[in-house]
Amino acid sequence: MAVYRFKIYFEDDETIIREVDIKSTQTFENFHTTIQGSIGFDGAHPTSFFVSSEGWRKGKEIILLHKHSKGLKGTWMHETKIATYVEDPRQKFVYEFDPEGGNWILLIELMKIIPEASVTYPRINKSVGIAPPQYKVTSADEILPVEEEEDETAVIVDDSEDRYIHPEAVEHFGAGDDDGPIPHMVVKEVAVEMADEEAIEEETGDGEAFDEEDESAEQHEEEFE
């Protein structure tokens, strides 16, 4: 039975190479699983092989049956043997993985056909270079700081227009010390209390004067009588 030896490398980095030996009777799904394992990917995304021309022009698509493939019609990897689309001694395939995400593209070339040996196939015959990480790792520097939300229960009092300071309040509190000026709202409250006390004293004083006038009038009436 014939065994195909394929050379596989990343489209954007030809120094990362894998060589895979696979039986002609094995399927494209077997090939897919071996490729994923050789580069350390998880195989959890849509994948396709494309039969390619000499100039890497994509032709017939062979699709992995995946949860994202529901409703699609096509040629499925698990049903298709490798030999079905090996029509040239230098046959080429384009392998496309996760087109909606990382969009990884690997190029595959048939190197030669070798006799079957007493080993398990598919197998990795050669591995050169470290494959890039499948998912981008975000560093701490790239993480934006989370803005703290303002406390909606906080009440801000604007006393910018209330600048009057009662003289006695200034005398009582002083003009401010090293700890900072007197809060206007505190001075305002003291000033209001002092103003109320003055108003009460004035009312009390007026009442006493009124009582003195009444007593004087009564005495005058008694003398007249």
N, C-alpha and C. Protein backbone atom coordinates (compact mmCIF):
# COMPACT_ATOMS: atom_id res chain seq x y z
N MET A 1 0.85 -1.20 0.00
CA MET A 1 0.00 0.00 0.00
C MET A 1 0.89 1.24 0.00
N ALA A 2 0.50 2.24 -0.79
CA ALA A 2 1.31 3.46 -0.91
C ALA A 2 1.15 4.35 0.31
N VAL A 3 2.26 5.02 0.65
CA VAL A 3 2.26 6.00 1.73
C VAL A 3 2.77 7.32 1.15
N TYR A 4 2.02 8.39 1.39
CA TYR A 4 2.41 9.71 0.88
C TYR A 4 3.20 10.46 1.96
N ARG A 5 4.28 11.09 1.55
CA ARG A 5 5.02 11.97 2.46
C ARG A 5 4.82 13.41 1.99
N PHE A 6 4.15 14.19 2.84
CA PHE A 6 3.84 15.58 2.51
C PHE A 6 4.70 16.54 3.33
N LYS A 7 5.12 17.59 2.68
CA LYS A 7 5.78 18.70 3.36
C LYS A 7 4.74 19.78 3.61
N ILE A 8 4.68 20.28 4.86
CA ILE A 8 3.67 21.26 5.26
C ILE A 8 4.38 22.44 5.90
N TYR A 9 4.02 23.66 5.50
CA TYR A 9 4.63 24.86 6.11
C TYR A 9 3.65 26.03 6.08
N PHE A 10 3.89 26.99 6.96
CA PHE A 10 3.01 28.15 7.04
C PHE A 10 3.23 29.06 5.83
N GLU A 11 2.14 29.60 5.33
CA GLU A 11 2.23 30.48 4.17
C GLU A 11 3.12 31.70 4.43
N ASP A 12 3.04 32.26 5.66
CA ASP A 12 3.80 33.46 5.98
C ASP A 12 5.12 33.18 6.69
N ASP A 13 5.49 31.90 6.84
CA ASP A 13 6.77 31.57 7.44
C ASP A 13 7.19 30.16 6.97
N GLU A 14 7.98 30.10 5.94
CA GLU A 14 8.38 28.83 5.34
C GLU A 14 9.44 28.09 6.15
N THR A 15 9.93 28.72 7.23
CA THR A 15 10.95 28.05 8.06
C THR A 15 10.31 27.09 9.06
N ILE A 16 9.01 27.18 9.27
CA ILE A 16 8.30 26.27 10.18
C ILE A 16 7.74 25.14 9.32
N ILE A 17 8.33 23.97 9.45
CA ILE A 17 8.04 22.87 8.53
C ILE A 17 7.65 21.61 9.31
N ARG A 18 6.69 20.89 8.75
CA ARG A 18 6.35 19.55 9.24
C ARG A 18 6.30 18.60 8.04
N GLU A 19 6.76 17.37 8.27
CA GLU A 19 6.64 16.31 7.25
C GLU A 19 5.73 15.24 7.82
N VAL A 20 4.68 14.91 7.09
CA VAL A 20 3.70 13.94 7.55
C VAL A 20 3.62 12.77 6.57
N ASP A 21 3.69 11.57 7.09
CA ASP A 21 3.49 10.35 6.29
C ASP A 21 2.07 9.86 6.54
N ILE A 22 1.33 9.61 5.48
CA ILE A 22 -0.06 9.17 5.61
C ILE A 22 -0.40 8.17 4.50
N LYS A 23 -1.17 7.17 4.84
CA LYS A 23 -1.56 6.16 3.85
C LYS A 23 -2.50 6.76 2.81
N SER A 24 -2.43 6.25 1.61
CA SER A 24 -3.29 6.73 0.53
C SER A 24 -4.75 6.44 0.81
N THR A 25 -5.02 5.42 1.64
CA THR A 25 -6.40 5.03 1.96
C THR A 25 -6.97 5.76 3.17
N GLN A 26 -6.14 6.52 3.84
CA GLN A 26 -6.64 7.29 4.98
C GLN A 26 -7.32 8.56 4.49
N THR A 27 -8.08 9.19 5.38
CA THR A 27 -8.93 10.31 4.97
C THR A 27 -8.29 11.66 5.23
N PHE A 28 -8.90 12.68 4.64
CA PHE A 28 -8.44 14.05 4.87
C PHE A 28 -8.69 14.47 6.32
N GLU A 29 -9.65 13.85 6.98
CA GLU A 29 -9.85 14.14 8.40
C GLU A 29 -8.68 13.60 9.22
N ASN A 30 -8.16 12.42 8.86
CA ASN A 30 -6.96 11.90 9.51
C ASN A 30 -5.79 12.86 9.31
N PHE A 31 -5.69 13.39 8.11
CA PHE A 31 -4.62 14.32 7.77
C PHE A 31 -4.76 15.61 8.59
N HIS A 32 -5.97 16.11 8.67
CA HIS A 32 -6.28 17.33 9.44
C HIS A 32 -5.89 17.17 10.91
N THR A 33 -6.29 16.06 11.52
CA THR A 33 -5.99 15.83 12.94
C THR A 33 -4.49 15.78 13.18
N THR A 34 -3.75 15.17 12.28
CA THR A 34 -2.30 15.07 12.42
C THR A 34 -1.64 16.43 12.28
N ILE A 35 -2.10 17.24 11.35
CA ILE A 35 -1.55 18.59 11.17
C ILE A 35 -1.78 19.42 12.42
N GLN A 36 -2.99 19.38 12.95
CA GLN A 36 -3.31 20.15 14.16
C GLN A 36 -2.42 19.74 15.33
N GLY A 37 -2.22 18.45 15.50
CA GLY A 37 -1.37 17.98 16.58
C GLY A 37 0.08 18.38 16.40
N SER A 38 0.54 18.43 15.16
CA SER A 38 1.95 18.74 14.90
C SER A 38 2.29 20.20 15.17
N ILE A 39 1.30 21.08 15.13
CA ILE A 39 1.56 22.52 15.36
C ILE A 39 0.95 23.01 16.69
N GLY A 40 0.33 22.10 17.42
CA GLY A 40 -0.19 22.45 18.74
C GLY A 40 -1.47 23.24 18.74
N PHE A 41 -2.29 23.11 17.69
CA PHE A 41 -3.57 23.81 17.64
C PHE A 41 -4.66 22.89 18.17
N ASP A 42 -5.85 23.48 18.45
CA ASP A 42 -6.89 22.69 19.11
C ASP A 42 -7.94 22.11 18.17
N GLY A 43 -7.91 22.47 16.89
CA GLY A 43 -8.84 21.89 15.93
C GLY A 43 -10.29 22.26 16.16
N ALA A 44 -10.54 23.34 16.92
CA ALA A 44 -11.90 23.68 17.32
C ALA A 44 -12.59 24.68 16.38
N HIS A 45 -12.09 24.83 15.17
CA HIS A 45 -12.66 25.81 14.25
C HIS A 45 -12.85 25.22 12.86
N PRO A 46 -13.66 25.87 12.01
CA PRO A 46 -13.86 25.38 10.65
C PRO A 46 -12.53 25.26 9.89
N THR A 47 -12.44 24.19 9.09
CA THR A 47 -11.21 23.90 8.37
C THR A 47 -11.53 23.34 6.99
N SER A 48 -10.68 23.67 6.02
CA SER A 48 -10.85 23.12 4.68
C SER A 48 -9.50 22.82 4.04
N PHE A 49 -9.46 21.77 3.22
CA PHE A 49 -8.37 21.54 2.28
C PHE A 49 -8.87 22.01 0.91
N PHE A 50 -7.97 22.60 0.15
CA PHE A 50 -8.28 22.96 -1.22
C PHE A 50 -7.27 22.28 -2.15
N VAL A 51 -7.77 21.58 -3.14
CA VAL A 51 -6.88 21.05 -4.15
C VAL A 51 -6.29 22.24 -4.88
N SER A 52 -4.94 22.27 -5.00
CA SER A 52 -4.28 23.47 -5.51
C SER A 52 -3.56 23.21 -6.83
N SER A 53 -3.45 24.29 -7.59
CA SER A 53 -2.66 24.26 -8.81
C SER A 53 -1.19 24.47 -8.48
N GLU A 54 -0.34 24.44 -9.48
CA GLU A 54 1.09 24.65 -9.27
C GLU A 54 1.36 26.01 -8.66
N GLY A 55 0.57 27.01 -9.02
CA GLY A 55 0.75 28.37 -8.51
C GLY A 55 -0.07 28.67 -7.26
N TRP A 56 -0.52 27.65 -6.55
CA TRP A 56 -1.28 27.77 -5.31
C TRP A 56 -2.66 28.42 -5.50
N ARG A 57 -3.21 28.19 -6.62
CA ARG A 57 -4.58 28.65 -6.85
C ARG A 57 -5.54 27.59 -6.33
N LYS A 58 -6.48 28.01 -5.46
CA LYS A 58 -7.37 27.05 -4.81
C LYS A 58 -8.45 26.54 -5.77
N GLY A 59 -8.67 25.22 -5.71
CA GLY A 59 -9.71 24.59 -6.52
C GLY A 59 -10.75 23.91 -5.65
N LYS A 60 -10.93 22.62 -5.84
CA LYS A 60 -11.92 21.84 -5.12
C LYS A 60 -11.72 21.95 -3.61
N GLU A 61 -12.83 22.18 -2.86
CA GLU A 61 -12.76 22.31 -1.41
C GLU A 61 -13.22 21.02 -0.74
N ILE A 62 -12.46 20.60 0.28
CA ILE A 62 -12.80 19.43 1.08
C ILE A 62 -12.98 19.91 2.51
N ILE A 63 -14.19 19.79 3.05
CA ILE A 63 -14.58 20.48 4.29
C ILE A 63 -14.62 19.55 5.49
N LEU A 64 -14.18 20.07 6.63
CA LEU A 64 -14.30 19.34 7.89
C LEU A 64 -15.74 19.44 8.38
N LEU A 65 -16.35 18.30 8.69
CA LEU A 65 -17.71 18.30 9.24
C LEU A 65 -17.62 18.83 10.66
N HIS A 66 -18.19 20.00 10.86
CA HIS A 66 -18.04 20.73 12.11
C HIS A 66 -19.39 21.29 12.49
N LYS A 67 -19.53 21.69 13.73
CA LYS A 67 -20.81 22.25 14.16
C LYS A 67 -21.17 23.50 13.37
N HIS A 68 -20.15 24.21 12.85
CA HIS A 68 -20.42 25.39 12.04
C HIS A 68 -20.79 25.03 10.60
N SER A 69 -20.72 23.72 10.27
CA SER A 69 -20.98 23.28 8.89
C SER A 69 -22.42 22.85 8.66
N LYS A 70 -23.25 22.96 9.70
CA LYS A 70 -24.64 22.51 9.56
C LYS A 70 -25.34 23.25 8.43
N GLY A 71 -26.02 22.49 7.60
CA GLY A 71 -26.75 23.09 6.49
C GLY A 71 -25.93 23.24 5.22
N LEU A 72 -24.62 23.02 5.31
CA LEU A 72 -23.76 23.15 4.14
C LEU A 72 -23.74 21.85 3.35
N LYS A 73 -23.48 21.98 2.08
CA LYS A 73 -23.30 20.81 1.23
C LYS A 73 -21.90 20.87 0.64
N GLY A 74 -21.25 19.74 0.57
CA GLY A 74 -19.90 19.73 0.01
C GLY A 74 -19.25 18.38 0.14
N THR A 75 -17.96 18.37 -0.10
CA THR A 75 -17.17 17.16 0.02
C THR A 75 -16.56 17.15 1.42
N TRP A 76 -16.87 16.08 2.18
CA TRP A 76 -16.47 16.05 3.59
C TRP A 76 -15.16 15.28 3.77
N MET A 77 -14.34 15.77 4.72
CA MET A 77 -13.04 15.17 4.98
C MET A 77 -13.16 13.71 5.42
N HIS A 78 -14.11 13.44 6.32
CA HIS A 78 -14.20 12.09 6.88
C HIS A 78 -14.64 11.05 5.86
N GLU A 79 -15.18 11.50 4.74
CA GLU A 79 -15.65 10.58 3.71
C GLU A 79 -14.67 10.47 2.53
N THR A 80 -13.65 11.30 2.53
CA THR A 80 -12.79 11.41 1.34
C THR A 80 -11.38 10.91 1.61
N LYS A 81 -10.92 9.93 0.84
CA LYS A 81 -9.57 9.39 0.98
C LYS A 81 -8.55 10.30 0.29
N ILE A 82 -7.34 10.30 0.83
CA ILE A 82 -6.28 11.13 0.28
C ILE A 82 -6.04 10.82 -1.19
N ALA A 83 -6.04 9.56 -1.55
CA ALA A 83 -5.72 9.15 -2.92
C ALA A 83 -6.69 9.73 -3.95
N THR A 84 -7.91 10.09 -3.50
CA THR A 84 -8.93 10.61 -4.42
C THR A 84 -8.47 11.86 -5.14
N TYR A 85 -7.67 12.70 -4.47
CA TYR A 85 -7.26 13.97 -5.06
C TYR A 85 -5.74 14.11 -5.24
N VAL A 86 -5.04 12.99 -5.20
CA VAL A 86 -3.62 13.01 -5.55
C VAL A 86 -3.51 12.61 -7.02
N GLU A 87 -3.39 13.60 -7.86
CA GLU A 87 -3.40 13.37 -9.30
C GLU A 87 -2.05 13.72 -9.95
N ASP A 88 -1.10 14.18 -9.14
CA ASP A 88 0.18 14.63 -9.67
C ASP A 88 1.28 14.18 -8.72
N PRO A 89 2.47 13.81 -9.23
CA PRO A 89 3.57 13.41 -8.36
C PRO A 89 4.01 14.52 -7.41
N ARG A 90 3.67 15.78 -7.75
CA ARG A 90 4.00 16.91 -6.88
C ARG A 90 2.70 17.60 -6.43
N GLN A 91 1.70 16.82 -6.17
CA GLN A 91 0.38 17.36 -5.81
C GLN A 91 0.47 18.37 -4.66
N LYS A 92 -0.34 19.44 -4.78
CA LYS A 92 -0.35 20.48 -3.76
C LYS A 92 -1.77 20.67 -3.21
N PHE A 93 -1.80 21.04 -1.93
CA PHE A 93 -3.06 21.39 -1.27
C PHE A 93 -2.85 22.67 -0.47
N VAL A 94 -3.91 23.44 -0.33
CA VAL A 94 -3.92 24.59 0.58
C VAL A 94 -4.79 24.20 1.77
N TYR A 95 -4.24 24.38 2.96
CA TYR A 95 -4.96 24.03 4.19
C TYR A 95 -5.33 25.33 4.90
N GLU A 96 -6.61 25.56 5.07
CA GLU A 96 -7.09 26.81 5.68
C GLU A 96 -7.85 26.49 6.95
N PHE A 97 -7.38 27.09 8.06
CA PHE A 97 -7.95 26.81 9.37
C PHE A 97 -8.44 28.10 10.03
N ASP A 98 -9.65 28.06 10.59
CA ASP A 98 -10.25 29.20 11.31
C ASP A 98 -10.27 30.47 10.46
N PRO A 99 -10.95 30.45 9.32
CA PRO A 99 -10.97 31.63 8.44
C PRO A 99 -11.64 32.85 9.04
N GLU A 100 -12.52 32.65 10.04
CA GLU A 100 -13.20 33.77 10.68
C GLU A 100 -12.42 34.34 11.85
N GLY A 101 -11.34 33.66 12.23
CA GLY A 101 -10.56 34.11 13.39
C GLY A 101 -9.11 34.37 13.00
N GLY A 102 -8.23 33.38 13.31
CA GLY A 102 -6.80 33.54 13.01
C GLY A 102 -6.49 33.47 11.54
N ASN A 103 -7.36 32.81 10.77
CA ASN A 103 -7.18 32.64 9.32
C ASN A 103 -5.78 32.08 9.02
N TRP A 104 -5.51 30.92 9.59
CA TRP A 104 -4.22 30.27 9.37
C TRP A 104 -4.22 29.54 8.03
N ILE A 105 -3.19 29.76 7.25
CA ILE A 105 -3.06 29.09 5.95
C ILE A 105 -1.73 28.36 5.89
N LEU A 106 -1.80 27.06 5.61
CA LEU A 106 -0.60 26.25 5.45
C LEU A 106 -0.58 25.68 4.03
N LEU A 107 0.61 25.56 3.49
CA LEU A 107 0.78 25.03 2.13
C LEU A 107 1.33 23.61 2.23
N ILE A 108 0.79 22.72 1.41
CA ILE A 108 1.12 21.30 1.47
C ILE A 108 1.61 20.82 0.11
N GLU A 109 2.74 20.14 0.10
CA GLU A 109 3.30 19.60 -1.14
C GLU A 109 3.62 18.11 -0.96
N LEU A 110 3.27 17.33 -1.95
CA LEU A 110 3.64 15.92 -1.93
C LEU A 110 5.12 15.81 -2.29
N MET A 111 5.91 15.22 -1.41
CA MET A 111 7.35 15.09 -1.64
C MET A 111 7.67 13.80 -2.39
N LYS A 112 7.09 12.70 -1.90
CA LYS A 112 7.34 11.42 -2.56
C LYS A 112 6.39 10.36 -2.03
N ILE A 113 6.36 9.25 -2.71
CA ILE A 113 5.57 8.09 -2.28
C ILE A 113 6.55 7.04 -1.79
N ILE A 114 6.29 6.55 -0.58
CA ILE A 114 7.21 5.60 0.04
C ILE A 114 6.46 4.31 0.37
N PRO A 115 7.19 3.21 0.53
CA PRO A 115 6.52 1.94 0.87
C PRO A 115 6.04 1.96 2.32
N GLU A 116 5.02 1.23 2.59
CA GLU A 116 4.46 1.15 3.94
C GLU A 116 5.42 0.42 4.88
N ALA A 117 5.56 0.93 6.08
CA ALA A 117 6.42 0.31 7.09
C ALA A 117 5.56 -0.15 8.26
N SER A 118 6.20 -0.85 9.19
CA SER A 118 5.48 -1.37 10.36
C SER A 118 5.40 -0.28 11.44
N VAL A 119 4.73 0.81 11.11
CA VAL A 119 4.52 1.93 12.04
C VAL A 119 3.06 2.35 11.96
N THR A 120 2.68 3.22 12.87
CA THR A 120 1.30 3.72 12.88
C THR A 120 1.21 4.97 12.03
N TYR A 121 0.21 5.00 11.16
CA TYR A 121 -0.02 6.16 10.30
C TYR A 121 -1.37 6.80 10.64
N PRO A 122 -1.45 8.11 10.42
CA PRO A 122 -0.43 9.08 10.00
C PRO A 122 0.62 9.27 11.08
N ARG A 123 1.80 9.74 10.67
CA ARG A 123 2.88 9.96 11.62
C ARG A 123 3.69 11.19 11.19
N ILE A 124 4.31 11.83 12.19
CA ILE A 124 5.17 12.98 11.91
C ILE A 124 6.57 12.43 11.62
N ASN A 125 7.06 12.67 10.41
CA ASN A 125 8.38 12.21 10.03
C ASN A 125 9.45 13.23 10.38
N LYS A 126 9.08 14.52 10.36
CA LYS A 126 10.06 15.57 10.61
C LYS A 126 9.35 16.82 11.11
N SER A 127 10.00 17.52 12.05
CA SER A 127 9.43 18.77 12.59
C SER A 127 10.54 19.80 12.73
N VAL A 128 10.36 20.94 12.07
CA VAL A 128 11.35 22.02 12.11
C VAL A 128 10.67 23.32 12.52
N GLY A 129 11.21 23.97 13.54
CA GLY A 129 10.67 25.26 13.97
C GLY A 129 9.48 25.13 14.92
N ILE A 130 9.26 26.18 15.68
CA ILE A 130 8.14 26.22 16.64
C ILE A 130 6.98 26.99 16.02
N ALA A 131 5.83 26.36 16.02
CA ALA A 131 4.64 27.01 15.45
C ALA A 131 4.22 28.20 16.30
N PRO A 132 3.66 29.22 15.69
CA PRO A 132 3.19 30.39 16.46
C PRO A 132 2.01 29.99 17.34
N PRO A 133 1.76 30.74 18.43
CA PRO A 133 0.60 30.42 19.27
C PRO A 133 -0.70 30.61 18.50
N GLN A 134 -1.62 29.70 18.71
CA GLN A 134 -2.89 29.78 17.99
C GLN A 134 -3.67 31.02 18.35
N TYR A 135 -3.65 31.39 19.64
CA TYR A 135 -4.40 32.54 20.11
C TYR A 135 -3.43 33.60 20.62
N LYS A 136 -3.72 34.84 20.32
CA LYS A 136 -2.88 35.94 20.77
C LYS A 136 -2.98 36.07 22.29
N VAL A 137 -1.81 36.17 22.93
CA VAL A 137 -1.76 36.35 24.37
C VAL A 137 -1.66 37.83 24.67
N THR A 138 -2.63 38.36 25.43
CA THR A 138 -2.66 39.78 25.77
C THR A 138 -1.80 40.03 26.98
N SER A 139 -0.83 40.94 26.83
CA SER A 139 0.04 41.28 27.96
C SER A 139 -0.65 42.24 28.90
N ALA A 140 -0.09 42.39 30.11
CA ALA A 140 -0.67 43.29 31.11
C ALA A 140 -0.66 44.73 30.62
N ASP A 141 0.34 45.10 29.80
CA ASP A 141 0.44 46.48 29.32
C ASP A 141 -0.67 46.81 28.33
N GLU A 142 -1.22 45.78 27.68
CA GLU A 142 -2.27 46.00 26.70
C GLU A 142 -3.66 46.07 27.31
N ILE A 143 -3.76 45.70 28.58
CA ILE A 143 -5.06 45.73 29.24
C ILE A 143 -5.35 47.15 29.72
N LEU A 144 -6.42 47.73 29.23
CA LEU A 144 -6.78 49.10 29.60
C LEU A 144 -7.32 49.13 31.02
N PRO A 145 -6.96 50.17 31.79
CA PRO A 145 -7.49 50.27 33.16
C PRO A 145 -8.99 50.47 33.15
N VAL A 146 -9.64 49.85 34.12
CA VAL A 146 -11.10 49.99 34.24
C VAL A 146 -11.41 51.26 34.99
N GLU A 147 -12.21 52.12 34.36
CA GLU A 147 -12.57 53.38 35.00
C GLU A 147 -13.57 53.12 36.12
N GLU A 148 -13.31 53.72 37.28
CA GLU A 148 -14.22 53.57 38.41
C GLU A 148 -15.47 54.40 38.19
N GLU A 149 -16.61 53.80 38.46
CA GLU A 149 -17.87 54.51 38.31
C GLU A 149 -18.07 55.47 39.47
N GLU A 150 -18.62 56.64 39.15
CA GLU A 150 -18.87 57.62 40.20
C GLU A 150 -20.03 57.17 41.08
N ASP A 151 -19.94 57.50 42.36
CA ASP A 151 -21.00 57.15 43.30
C ASP A 151 -22.20 58.04 43.03
N GLU A 152 -23.28 57.42 42.52
CA GLU A 152 -24.46 58.20 42.16
C GLU A 152 -25.17 58.77 43.38
N THR A 153 -24.86 58.23 44.58
CA THR A 153 -25.54 58.71 45.78
C THR A 153 -24.87 59.95 46.37
N ALA A 154 -23.69 60.29 45.87
CA ALA A 154 -22.98 61.46 46.41
C ALA A 154 -23.73 62.73 46.05
N VAL A 155 -23.82 63.66 47.02
CA VAL A 155 -24.50 64.94 46.81
C VAL A 155 -23.46 66.04 46.85
N ILE A 156 -23.40 66.83 45.79
CA ILE A 156 -22.45 67.94 45.70
C ILE A 156 -23.20 69.25 45.93
N VAL A 157 -22.79 70.01 46.95
CA VAL A 157 -23.43 71.28 47.27
C VAL A 157 -22.61 72.41 46.69
N ASP A 158 -23.24 73.22 45.88
CA ASP A 158 -22.54 74.36 45.28
C ASP A 158 -22.87 75.61 46.09
N ASP A 159 -21.88 76.09 46.87
CA ASP A 159 -22.09 77.30 47.65
C ASP A 159 -21.22 78.43 47.12
N SER A 160 -20.91 78.34 45.81
CA SER A 160 -20.01 79.33 45.22
C SER A 160 -20.58 80.74 45.27
N GLU A 161 -21.95 80.87 45.28
CA GLU A 161 -22.54 82.20 45.30
C GLU A 161 -22.78 82.71 46.72
N ASP A 162 -22.61 81.80 47.70
CA ASP A 162 -22.88 82.19 49.09
C ASP A 162 -21.56 82.50 49.77
N ARG A 163 -21.08 83.73 49.62
CA ARG A 163 -19.76 84.11 50.11
C ARG A 163 -19.80 85.04 51.33
N TYR A 164 -21.02 85.38 51.83
CA TYR A 164 -21.12 86.29 52.98
C TYR A 164 -20.70 85.55 54.24
N ILE A 165 -19.83 86.15 55.04
CA ILE A 165 -19.39 85.58 56.30
C ILE A 165 -19.73 86.57 57.42
N HIS A 166 -20.51 86.12 58.35
CA HIS A 166 -20.92 86.98 59.44
C HIS A 166 -19.68 87.38 60.24
N PRO A 167 -19.55 88.65 60.61
CA PRO A 167 -18.36 89.13 61.34
C PRO A 167 -18.09 88.34 62.61
N GLU A 168 -19.15 88.04 63.38
CA GLU A 168 -18.95 87.31 64.63
C GLU A 168 -18.50 85.88 64.38
N ALA A 169 -18.95 85.32 63.21
CA ALA A 169 -18.51 83.97 62.86
C ALA A 169 -17.04 83.97 62.57
N VAL A 170 -16.55 85.01 61.90
CA VAL A 170 -15.12 85.12 61.61
C VAL A 170 -14.33 85.25 62.90
N GLU A 171 -14.88 86.08 63.82
CA GLU A 171 -14.21 86.28 65.10
C GLU A 171 -14.17 84.97 65.89
N HIS A 172 -15.27 84.19 65.76
CA HIS A 172 -15.35 82.95 66.51
C HIS A 172 -14.41 81.88 65.95
N PHE A 173 -14.42 81.74 64.61
CA PHE A 173 -13.63 80.70 63.96
C PHE A 173 -12.23 81.14 63.58
N GLY A 174 -12.03 82.40 63.44
CA GLY A 174 -10.75 82.88 62.90
C GLY A 174 -10.81 82.89 61.39
N ALA A 175 -9.79 83.43 60.76
CA ALA A 175 -9.80 83.55 59.30
C ALA A 175 -9.27 82.31 58.63
N GLY A 176 -9.05 81.23 59.39
CA GLY A 176 -8.48 80.01 58.81
C GLY A 176 -7.09 79.81 59.35
N ASP A 177 -6.67 78.58 59.56
CA ASP A 177 -5.34 78.29 60.07
C ASP A 177 -4.60 77.41 59.09
N ASP A 178 -3.58 76.77 59.61
CA ASP A 178 -2.76 75.94 58.71
C ASP A 178 -3.53 74.76 58.15
N ASP A 179 -4.61 74.38 58.84
CA ASP A 179 -5.39 73.25 58.34
C ASP A 179 -6.28 73.62 57.17
N GLY A 180 -6.32 74.93 56.83
CA GLY A 180 -7.14 75.35 55.69
C GLY A 180 -8.20 76.33 56.11
N PRO A 181 -8.84 76.97 55.17
CA PRO A 181 -9.88 77.96 55.46
C PRO A 181 -11.12 77.32 56.05
N ILE A 182 -11.95 78.19 56.67
CA ILE A 182 -13.19 77.69 57.26
C ILE A 182 -14.13 77.30 56.14
N PRO A 183 -14.73 76.12 56.19
CA PRO A 183 -15.70 75.75 55.15
C PRO A 183 -16.84 76.75 55.12
N HIS A 184 -17.20 77.19 53.94
CA HIS A 184 -18.26 78.20 53.81
C HIS A 184 -19.60 77.69 54.35
N MET A 185 -19.87 76.39 54.16
CA MET A 185 -21.15 75.88 54.62
C MET A 185 -21.25 75.93 56.14
N VAL A 186 -20.11 75.68 56.84
CA VAL A 186 -20.11 75.77 58.31
C VAL A 186 -20.33 77.19 58.75
N VAL A 187 -19.60 78.14 58.15
CA VAL A 187 -19.74 79.56 58.49
C VAL A 187 -21.16 80.02 58.22
N LYS A 188 -21.71 79.55 57.12
CA LYS A 188 -23.06 79.94 56.77
C LYS A 188 -24.05 79.52 57.85
N GLU A 189 -23.91 78.25 58.33
CA GLU A 189 -24.83 77.75 59.34
C GLU A 189 -24.72 78.56 60.63
N VAL A 190 -23.47 78.86 61.04
CA VAL A 190 -23.27 79.65 62.26
C VAL A 190 -23.84 81.05 62.08
N ALA A 191 -23.61 81.63 60.91
CA ALA A 191 -24.09 82.98 60.64
C ALA A 191 -25.62 83.03 60.71
N VAL A 192 -26.26 82.00 60.17
CA VAL A 192 -27.73 81.97 60.21
C VAL A 192 -28.21 81.87 61.64
N GLU A 193 -27.55 81.02 62.45
CA GLU A 193 -27.96 80.90 63.85
C GLU A 193 -27.78 82.22 64.60
N MET A 194 -26.67 82.91 64.35
CA MET A 194 -26.43 84.19 65.01
C MET A 194 -27.46 85.23 64.58
N ALA A 195 -27.79 85.21 63.29
CA ALA A 195 -28.77 86.17 62.79
C ALA A 195 -30.13 85.93 63.44
N ASP A 196 -30.48 84.64 63.62
CA ASP A 196 -31.76 84.32 64.27
C ASP A 196 -31.76 84.80 65.72
N GLU A 197 -30.62 84.61 66.40
CA GLU A 197 -30.54 85.05 67.80
C GLU A 197 -30.68 86.56 67.91
N GLU A 198 -30.05 87.30 66.97
CA GLU A 198 -30.16 88.77 66.98
C GLU A 198 -31.59 89.21 66.76
N ALA A 199 -32.26 88.48 65.83
CA ALA A 199 -33.66 88.85 65.55
C ALA A 199 -34.53 88.65 66.78
N ILE A 200 -34.26 87.55 67.52
CA ILE A 200 -35.04 87.29 68.74
C ILE A 200 -34.77 88.35 69.80
N GLU A 201 -33.50 88.74 69.94
CA GLU A 201 -33.14 89.77 70.92
C GLU A 201 -33.80 91.10 70.58
N GLU A 202 -33.83 91.43 69.27
CA GLU A 202 -34.47 92.68 68.86
C GLU A 202 -35.95 92.67 69.18
N GLU A 203 -36.59 91.50 68.91
CA GLU A 203 -38.02 91.41 69.20
C GLU A 203 -38.25 91.54 70.71
N THR A 204 -37.40 90.90 71.50
CA THR A 204 -37.53 90.98 72.96
C THR A 204 -37.33 92.41 73.44
N GLY A 205 -36.36 93.09 72.88
CA GLY A 205 -36.10 94.48 73.27
C GLY A 205 -37.27 95.38 72.93
N ASP A 206 -37.86 95.22 71.75
CA ASP A 206 -39.02 96.03 71.35
C ASP A 206 -40.18 95.79 72.28
N GLY A 207 -40.34 94.51 72.71
CA GLY A 207 -41.46 94.20 73.60
C GLY A 207 -41.31 94.87 74.94
N GLU A 208 -40.05 94.92 75.49
CA GLU A 208 -39.82 95.59 76.77
C GLU A 208 -40.09 97.08 76.67
N ALA A 209 -39.70 97.68 75.58
CA ALA A 209 -39.96 99.12 75.38
C ALA A 209 -41.44 99.39 75.31
N PHE A 210 -42.17 98.48 74.66
CA PHE A 210 -43.61 98.64 74.53
C PHE A 210 -44.26 98.54 75.90
N ASP A 211 -43.76 97.62 76.77
CA ASP A 211 -44.34 97.47 78.09
C ASP A 211 -44.12 98.72 78.93
N GLU A 212 -42.93 99.35 78.80
CA GLU A 212 -42.63 100.57 79.55
C GLU A 212 -43.58 101.70 79.14
N GLU A 213 -43.90 101.81 77.85
CA GLU A 213 -44.82 102.84 77.38
C GLU A 213 -46.22 102.62 77.96
N ASP A 214 -46.65 101.33 78.04
CA ASP A 214 -47.97 101.02 78.58
C ASP A 214 -48.05 101.41 80.05
N GLU A 215 -46.98 101.13 80.85
CA GLU A 215 -46.98 101.47 82.27
C GLU A 215 -47.03 102.98 82.47
N SER A 216 -46.33 103.73 81.63
CA SER A 216 -46.32 105.20 81.72
C SER A 216 -47.70 105.76 81.43
N ALA A 217 -48.39 105.20 80.49
CA ALA A 217 -49.73 105.69 80.13
C ALA A 217 -50.71 105.41 81.26
N GLU A 218 -50.57 104.24 81.88
CA GLU A 218 -51.48 103.90 82.96
C GLU A 218 -51.29 104.87 84.14
N GLN A 219 -50.03 105.20 84.47
CA GLN A 219 -49.76 106.12 85.56
C GLN A 219 -50.34 107.51 85.25
N HIS A 220 -50.24 107.93 84.01
CA HIS A 220 -50.77 109.22 83.62
C HIS A 220 -52.28 109.26 83.77
N GLU A 221 -52.95 108.16 83.43
CA GLU A 221 -54.40 108.12 83.57
C GLU A 221 -54.80 108.18 85.03
N GLU A 222 -54.05 107.49 85.90
CA GLU A 222 -54.40 107.49 87.33
C GLU A 222 -54.27 108.88 87.91
N GLU A 223 -53.21 109.62 87.53
CA GLU A 223 -53.02 110.98 88.03
C GLU A 223 -54.13 111.90 87.55
N PHE A 224 -54.57 111.72 86.32
CA PHE A 224 -55.60 112.53 85.74
C PHE A 224 -56.92 112.33 86.49
N GLU A 225 -57.15 111.10 86.89
CA GLU A 225 -58.38 110.80 87.60
C GLU A 225 -58.33 111.44 89.00
